[in-house]
Protein backbone atom coordinates (compact mmCIF):
# COMPACT_ATOMS: atom_id res chain seq x y z
CA MET A 1 -24.24 -50.47 -39.86
CA ARG A 2 -23.81 -46.72 -39.71
CA VAL A 3 -22.28 -45.96 -36.30
CA LEU A 4 -21.82 -42.57 -34.66
CA VAL A 5 -18.77 -42.57 -32.38
CA LEU A 6 -19.03 -39.67 -29.94
CA GLY A 7 -15.62 -38.51 -28.80
CA GLY A 8 -14.36 -40.32 -31.89
CA SER A 9 -11.08 -38.42 -32.07
CA GLY A 10 -10.28 -39.08 -28.41
CA PHE A 11 -8.21 -41.88 -26.90
CA VAL A 12 -11.01 -44.46 -26.62
CA GLY A 13 -13.21 -43.22 -29.45
CA ARG A 14 -10.52 -43.33 -32.12
CA HIS A 15 -9.82 -47.02 -31.39
CA ALA A 16 -13.52 -47.86 -31.38
CA ALA A 17 -13.91 -46.07 -34.73
CA ALA A 18 -10.94 -47.92 -36.23
CA ALA A 19 -12.24 -51.28 -34.98
CA LEU A 20 -15.70 -50.61 -36.42
CA ARG A 21 -14.17 -49.58 -39.74
CA ALA A 22 -12.07 -52.74 -39.81
CA ARG A 23 -15.26 -54.80 -39.34
CA GLY A 24 -16.88 -53.19 -42.39
CA HIS A 25 -19.12 -50.58 -40.75
CA THR A 26 -19.64 -46.97 -41.81
CA VAL A 27 -18.30 -44.64 -39.12
CA VAL A 28 -19.35 -41.08 -38.33
CA ILE A 29 -17.14 -39.30 -35.82
CA GLY A 30 -18.74 -36.82 -33.42
CA THR A 31 -16.24 -34.28 -32.10
CA ARG A 32 -16.02 -30.72 -30.82
CA GLN A 33 -13.48 -29.67 -33.47
CA PRO A 34 -14.07 -31.46 -36.78
CA ARG A 35 -11.37 -29.54 -38.65
CA ARG A 36 -8.66 -30.67 -36.25
CA ALA A 37 -10.06 -34.07 -35.30
CA LEU A 38 -8.00 -36.28 -37.61
CA ALA A 39 -4.85 -34.15 -37.66
CA LYS A 40 -3.99 -35.09 -34.08
CA LEU A 41 -4.38 -38.84 -34.60
CA PRO A 42 -1.38 -41.20 -34.84
CA PRO A 43 -0.45 -41.97 -38.48
CA ASP A 44 -1.87 -45.52 -38.48
CA LEU A 45 -5.26 -44.42 -37.16
CA ARG A 46 -5.31 -41.36 -39.40
CA ALA A 47 -4.86 -43.61 -42.41
CA SER A 48 -7.69 -45.93 -41.39
CA LEU A 49 -10.09 -43.05 -40.65
CA HIS A 50 -9.00 -40.56 -43.33
CA ASN A 51 -12.35 -40.26 -45.17
CA VAL A 52 -14.90 -40.70 -42.38
CA GLU A 53 -17.68 -38.17 -41.94
CA LEU A 54 -17.02 -35.67 -39.14
CA ARG A 55 -19.95 -34.22 -37.23
CA GLU A 56 -19.65 -31.28 -34.81
CA ILE A 57 -20.97 -32.23 -31.38
CA HIS A 58 -20.99 -30.09 -28.20
CA PHE A 59 -22.18 -32.20 -25.28
CA GLU A 60 -22.84 -29.34 -22.90
CA SER A 61 -25.65 -28.14 -25.19
CA LEU A 62 -27.22 -31.58 -25.87
CA THR A 63 -29.12 -32.09 -22.64
CA THR A 64 -32.57 -33.11 -23.99
CA ARG A 65 -33.58 -35.91 -26.34
CA TYR A 66 -35.22 -33.42 -28.69
CA ILE A 67 -31.83 -31.84 -29.46
CA TRP A 68 -30.20 -35.24 -29.98
CA GLN A 69 -32.79 -36.69 -32.36
CA PRO A 70 -31.88 -34.70 -35.54
CA LEU A 71 -28.22 -35.67 -35.06
CA LEU A 72 -29.18 -39.35 -34.96
CA SER A 73 -31.68 -39.49 -37.83
CA ASP A 74 -29.35 -41.41 -40.20
CA ILE A 75 -27.60 -43.54 -37.53
CA ASP A 76 -28.06 -47.22 -36.59
CA ALA A 77 -25.91 -47.37 -33.43
CA VAL A 78 -24.04 -44.99 -31.14
CA VAL A 79 -20.81 -45.41 -29.18
CA ASN A 80 -20.50 -42.74 -26.49
CA ALA A 81 -16.84 -42.35 -25.58
CA ALA A 82 -17.12 -38.64 -24.76
CA GLY A 83 -16.65 -37.13 -21.35
CA ILE A 84 -14.57 -34.68 -19.33
CA LEU A 85 -12.11 -35.26 -16.51
CA ARG A 86 -12.28 -31.62 -15.40
CA GLU A 87 -14.82 -28.85 -15.76
CA ARG A 88 -14.17 -25.89 -18.03
CA GLY A 89 -16.67 -23.07 -18.48
CA GLY A 90 -20.03 -24.47 -19.58
CA GLU A 91 -18.57 -27.99 -19.79
CA THR A 92 -19.60 -29.17 -16.34
CA TYR A 93 -19.68 -32.69 -14.94
CA ASP A 94 -23.44 -32.57 -14.68
CA ARG A 95 -24.05 -31.42 -18.25
CA VAL A 96 -21.35 -33.45 -20.06
CA ASN A 97 -20.99 -36.61 -17.97
CA ASN A 98 -24.62 -36.89 -16.83
CA MET A 99 -27.34 -34.86 -18.56
CA ALA A 100 -26.13 -35.28 -22.16
CA PRO A 101 -25.62 -39.09 -21.95
CA ALA A 102 -28.99 -39.47 -20.22
CA ALA A 103 -30.69 -37.45 -22.97
CA LEU A 104 -28.83 -39.51 -25.56
CA GLY A 105 -30.24 -42.68 -24.00
CA GLU A 106 -33.77 -41.29 -24.24
CA ALA A 107 -33.23 -40.30 -27.89
CA CYS A 108 -31.85 -43.75 -28.74
CA ALA A 109 -34.88 -45.35 -27.08
CA ARG A 110 -37.27 -43.17 -29.09
CA LEU A 111 -35.45 -43.90 -32.38
CA GLY A 112 -34.75 -47.59 -31.72
CA LEU A 113 -30.95 -47.23 -31.83
CA ARG A 114 -28.30 -49.36 -30.16
CA LEU A 115 -26.29 -47.42 -27.53
CA VAL A 116 -22.88 -48.49 -26.21
CA HIS A 117 -21.93 -46.12 -23.40
CA VAL A 118 -18.38 -46.03 -22.01
CA SER A 119 -18.35 -45.46 -18.26
CA ALA A 120 -15.74 -46.53 -15.69
CA LEU A 121 -15.05 -49.13 -13.03
CA GLY A 122 -15.29 -48.23 -9.37
CA LEU A 123 -18.29 -45.86 -9.37
CA ARG A 124 -20.06 -45.69 -6.00
CA PRO A 125 -22.93 -43.53 -4.70
CA GLU A 126 -20.83 -42.50 -1.70
CA ALA A 127 -17.96 -41.23 -3.88
CA ARG A 128 -16.77 -37.76 -2.88
CA SER A 129 -15.67 -36.84 -6.41
CA ARG A 130 -18.36 -35.03 -8.42
CA PHE A 131 -16.77 -36.49 -11.55
CA LEU A 132 -17.45 -40.03 -10.33
CA ARG A 133 -20.94 -39.25 -9.01
CA ALA A 134 -22.02 -37.68 -12.33
CA LYS A 135 -20.92 -40.76 -14.27
CA LEU A 136 -22.85 -43.05 -11.92
CA VAL A 137 -26.03 -40.98 -12.25
CA ALA A 138 -25.68 -41.13 -16.05
CA GLU A 139 -25.47 -44.94 -15.90
CA ARG A 140 -28.67 -45.15 -13.88
CA ARG A 141 -30.54 -42.79 -16.19
CA ILE A 142 -29.46 -44.73 -19.29
CA MET A 143 -30.65 -47.95 -17.64
CA ALA A 144 -34.04 -46.33 -17.10
CA SER A 145 -34.26 -44.81 -20.59
CA GLY A 146 -35.68 -47.85 -22.37
CA ALA A 147 -32.83 -47.87 -24.91
CA ASP A 148 -31.11 -50.99 -26.22
CA TYR A 149 -27.94 -50.23 -24.27
CA SER A 150 -24.70 -51.70 -23.02
CA ILE A 151 -22.80 -49.82 -20.32
CA VAL A 152 -19.10 -50.60 -20.58
CA ARG A 153 -16.85 -50.15 -17.54
CA PRO A 154 -13.17 -50.44 -18.49
CA GLY A 155 -10.26 -50.43 -16.10
CA LEU A 156 -7.19 -48.22 -16.36
CA LEU A 157 -6.15 -47.89 -20.00
CA ASP A 158 -2.72 -48.08 -21.61
CA GLY A 159 -1.76 -47.28 -25.18
CA ASP A 160 -0.12 -44.64 -27.36
CA GLY A 161 -1.77 -41.24 -27.34
CA GLY A 162 -3.64 -41.37 -24.05
CA TYR A 163 -3.08 -38.40 -21.74
CA LEU A 164 -3.02 -40.42 -18.52
CA ALA A 165 -1.26 -43.36 -20.20
CA LEU A 166 1.51 -41.09 -21.53
CA TRP A 167 1.90 -39.40 -18.15
CA LEU A 168 2.19 -42.72 -16.30
CA ARG A 169 4.77 -43.98 -18.79
CA LYS A 170 6.86 -40.89 -18.12
CA VAL A 171 6.64 -41.36 -14.37
CA ALA A 172 7.54 -45.05 -14.82
CA ALA A 173 10.80 -44.01 -16.49
CA TRP A 174 11.92 -42.15 -13.36
CA PRO A 175 14.26 -44.02 -10.99
CA VAL A 176 12.05 -42.91 -8.07
CA HIS A 177 8.29 -43.55 -8.15
CA PRO A 178 6.21 -41.26 -5.91
CA CYS A 179 2.86 -42.89 -5.12
CA PRO A 180 0.12 -42.10 -2.58
CA ALA A 181 0.70 -44.14 0.57
CA ASP A 182 -2.96 -45.19 0.67
CA ALA A 183 -3.10 -46.25 -3.02
CA ARG A 184 -3.44 -49.92 -2.08
CA GLY A 185 -6.27 -50.83 -4.44
CA ARG A 186 -5.58 -53.27 -7.26
CA MET A 187 -6.35 -52.55 -10.90
CA ALA A 188 -6.48 -54.66 -14.06
CA PRO A 189 -5.01 -52.32 -16.72
CA LEU A 190 -5.97 -53.09 -20.31
CA HIS A 191 -4.81 -51.94 -23.71
CA VAL A 192 -7.03 -49.39 -25.43
CA ARG A 193 -7.03 -51.41 -28.69
CA ASP A 194 -8.69 -54.29 -26.84
CA LEU A 195 -11.34 -51.91 -25.54
CA GLY A 196 -11.93 -50.56 -29.06
CA GLU A 197 -12.51 -54.10 -30.38
CA ALA A 198 -14.90 -54.90 -27.54
CA LEU A 199 -16.94 -51.75 -28.20
CA ALA A 200 -17.23 -52.64 -31.89
CA VAL A 201 -18.47 -56.15 -31.05
CA LEU A 202 -21.03 -54.78 -28.61
CA CYS A 203 -22.41 -52.47 -31.31
CA GLU A 204 -23.14 -55.52 -33.47
CA ARG A 205 -24.89 -57.56 -30.79
CA GLY A 206 -27.97 -55.39 -30.41
CA GLY A 207 -30.46 -56.72 -27.90
CA GLU A 208 -28.27 -59.81 -27.41
CA GLY A 209 -25.46 -57.74 -25.91
CA ARG A 210 -24.84 -57.67 -22.16
CA ARG A 211 -26.32 -54.68 -20.37
CA GLU A 212 -23.39 -54.12 -17.99
CA VAL A 213 -19.95 -55.06 -19.28
CA GLU A 214 -16.84 -54.82 -17.10
CA LEU A 215 -13.46 -55.10 -18.80
CA GLY A 216 -9.85 -55.40 -17.65
CA GLY A 217 -6.51 -56.94 -18.48
CA SER A 218 -5.19 -60.19 -17.09
CA ALA A 219 -2.78 -58.78 -14.44
CA ARG A 220 -3.90 -57.31 -11.11
CA ARG A 221 -1.62 -54.59 -9.76
CA THR A 222 -1.57 -51.69 -7.33
CA MET A 223 -0.49 -48.35 -8.79
CA ALA A 224 3.06 -48.86 -7.48
CA GLU A 225 3.20 -52.32 -9.08
CA TYR A 226 1.77 -50.94 -12.31
CA LEU A 227 4.47 -48.27 -12.53
CA ASP A 228 7.06 -51.01 -12.01
CA ALA A 229 5.46 -53.05 -14.81
CA LEU A 230 5.54 -50.09 -17.19
CA ARG A 231 9.18 -49.50 -16.26
CA GLY A 232 9.93 -53.15 -16.98
CA ALA A 233 8.42 -52.80 -20.46
CA GLN A 234 10.81 -49.89 -21.03
CA GLY A 235 13.78 -52.09 -20.12
CA GLY A 236 14.44 -50.45 -16.76
CA HIS A 237 15.26 -51.92 -13.36
CA ARG A 238 12.94 -51.69 -10.37
CA ALA A 239 12.64 -48.10 -9.13
CA LEU A 240 12.71 -46.79 -5.59
CA HIS A 241 9.16 -46.38 -4.24
CA LEU A 242 8.46 -43.10 -2.46
CA PRO A 243 5.18 -43.23 -0.45
CA VAL A 244 3.45 -39.84 -0.45
CA PRO A 245 1.34 -39.15 2.69
CA ALA A 246 -2.37 -39.32 1.90
CA LEU A 247 -3.02 -35.71 2.99
CA LEU A 248 -0.21 -34.40 0.78
CA ALA A 249 -1.43 -36.48 -2.17
CA LYS A 250 -4.95 -35.12 -1.69
CA LEU A 251 -3.61 -31.55 -1.63
CA ALA A 252 -1.63 -32.21 -4.82
CA GLY A 253 -4.74 -33.68 -6.47
CA ARG A 254 -6.79 -30.62 -5.55
CA ILE A 255 -4.12 -28.28 -6.94
CA CYS A 256 -3.92 -30.31 -10.15
CA ASP A 257 -7.72 -30.11 -10.46
CA LEU A 258 -7.71 -26.33 -10.02
CA LEU A 259 -4.82 -25.67 -12.41
CA HIS A 260 -5.37 -28.56 -14.88
CA LEU A 261 -1.71 -29.48 -14.42
CA SER A 262 -1.82 -33.24 -14.91
CA PRO A 263 -4.30 -36.10 -15.32
CA ILE A 264 -4.05 -36.88 -11.61
CA SER A 265 -7.22 -35.67 -9.90
CA LEU A 266 -9.13 -36.18 -6.68
CA GLY A 267 -11.33 -38.68 -8.55
CA CYS A 268 -8.28 -40.69 -9.67
CA LEU A 269 -6.88 -40.72 -6.14
CA GLU A 270 -10.20 -41.92 -4.78
CA LEU A 271 -10.22 -44.85 -7.23
CA MET A 272 -6.68 -45.88 -6.21
CA ARG A 273 -7.63 -46.42 -2.57
CA ARG A 274 -9.68 -49.58 -3.12
CA ASP A 275 -9.77 -52.49 -5.55
CA ASN A 276 -10.97 -51.37 -8.96
CA LEU A 277 -11.43 -54.72 -10.71
CA PRO A 278 -14.13 -56.24 -12.96
CA LYS A 279 -16.54 -58.45 -11.05
CA VAL A 280 -16.60 -60.63 -14.16
CA ASN A 281 -14.11 -59.78 -16.91
CA HIS A 282 -15.91 -60.06 -20.26
CA LEU A 283 -12.98 -58.96 -22.43
CA ALA A 284 -11.76 -62.34 -23.71
CA ALA A 285 -15.31 -63.48 -24.47
CA LEU A 286 -15.92 -60.36 -26.56
CA ILE A 287 -12.69 -60.17 -28.56
CA GLY A 288 -12.08 -63.92 -28.80
CA ARG A 289 -8.55 -63.90 -27.41
CA ALA A 290 -6.55 -63.19 -24.27
CA PRO A 291 -6.03 -59.53 -23.34
CA THR A 292 -2.96 -57.78 -24.72
CA PRO A 293 -0.27 -57.79 -21.97
CA VAL A 294 0.36 -54.39 -20.41
CA GLY A 295 3.79 -53.91 -18.86
CA VAL A 296 6.28 -56.48 -17.63
CA ASP A 297 6.51 -57.59 -14.01
CA LEU A 298 9.96 -56.95 -12.53
CA PRO A 299 11.63 -59.32 -10.06
CA ALA A 300 11.70 -58.21 -6.44
CA TYR A 301 14.87 -56.74 -4.96
CA ALA A 302 17.41 -59.28 -3.79
CA SER A 303 17.11 -59.99 -0.09
CA GLY A 304 20.42 -58.28 0.66
CA VAL A 305 19.44 -54.99 -0.95
CA GLY A 306 18.04 -52.56 1.62
CA VAL A 307 16.66 -49.07 1.42
CA VAL A 308 20.13 -47.51 1.35
CA GLY A 309 21.10 -49.70 -1.59
CA ARG A 310 17.94 -48.73 -3.48
CA ILE A 311 18.64 -45.02 -2.84
CA ARG A 312 22.19 -45.41 -4.15
CA PHE A 313 20.92 -47.19 -7.25
CA ALA A 314 18.31 -44.47 -7.86
CA ALA A 315 20.94 -41.75 -7.39
CA ARG A 316 23.23 -43.39 -9.96
CA GLU A 317 20.40 -43.47 -12.48
CA LEU A 318 19.57 -39.81 -11.86
CA LEU A 319 23.21 -38.82 -12.46
CA GLN A 320 23.53 -40.80 -15.70
């Protein structure tokens, strides 16, 4: 097959492209900046994708099926791993996360192409985040497009090169872990390579593929527990947890959204407040093996270690 991977130089897209290439398919990478697309990839992925065709794609301008169709004329299947976490200029949530994917679905239906669309777990109509609402509307419009589609909803992703994944690993290395006090929802983090394999398999299944596919790892953790697990994988001891009042966390999320300071956003905070787990986890059935472990669970503090002891331990680590 000849597969167009939209967002193919991004965190998810690059692993989908590599998995498709490994399975013998011809890959075309759609990206905003073709000249720089491969230069920023890790060496192993750059080697596996070094001679792929690069196609310039600007989602904010592709909001009707008529504009999409010429870009898809020589394509058999499409993986859409493109999207924005924050708006910038003409790249709005509505245009990039909603209108362009919906138009892509209509174009795929008209041309008879397979579409594998990467969405997210935890989308709800009552969500306050415009980012989350736009992604949900796009799902519904793709479902109504008539395309041969699969909508893939992965959980929180780990792996080298991911913006959020890298940021969380850095926070995990701190001896004190600040975390929103109301972030009680459980997640099932998965490795991005597993997601890439699953997307490649779904491209091959055509009309036999599942329409809605929810994916996650094997462990279920709150954000605080996940930071501990990442810290354990780095060889560290359990950190001191610092609950951040919900109002203060919301204010920090709004500031980060306005200034583009970190991957933490109001949408991310909203997802942390409730369980964000697959209803049925299809990962093992798709890739034919158990999920790659993410992080290492740390033992609980000994019963004799109180808050003061944890603070002293954290202070020693800070001074080292």
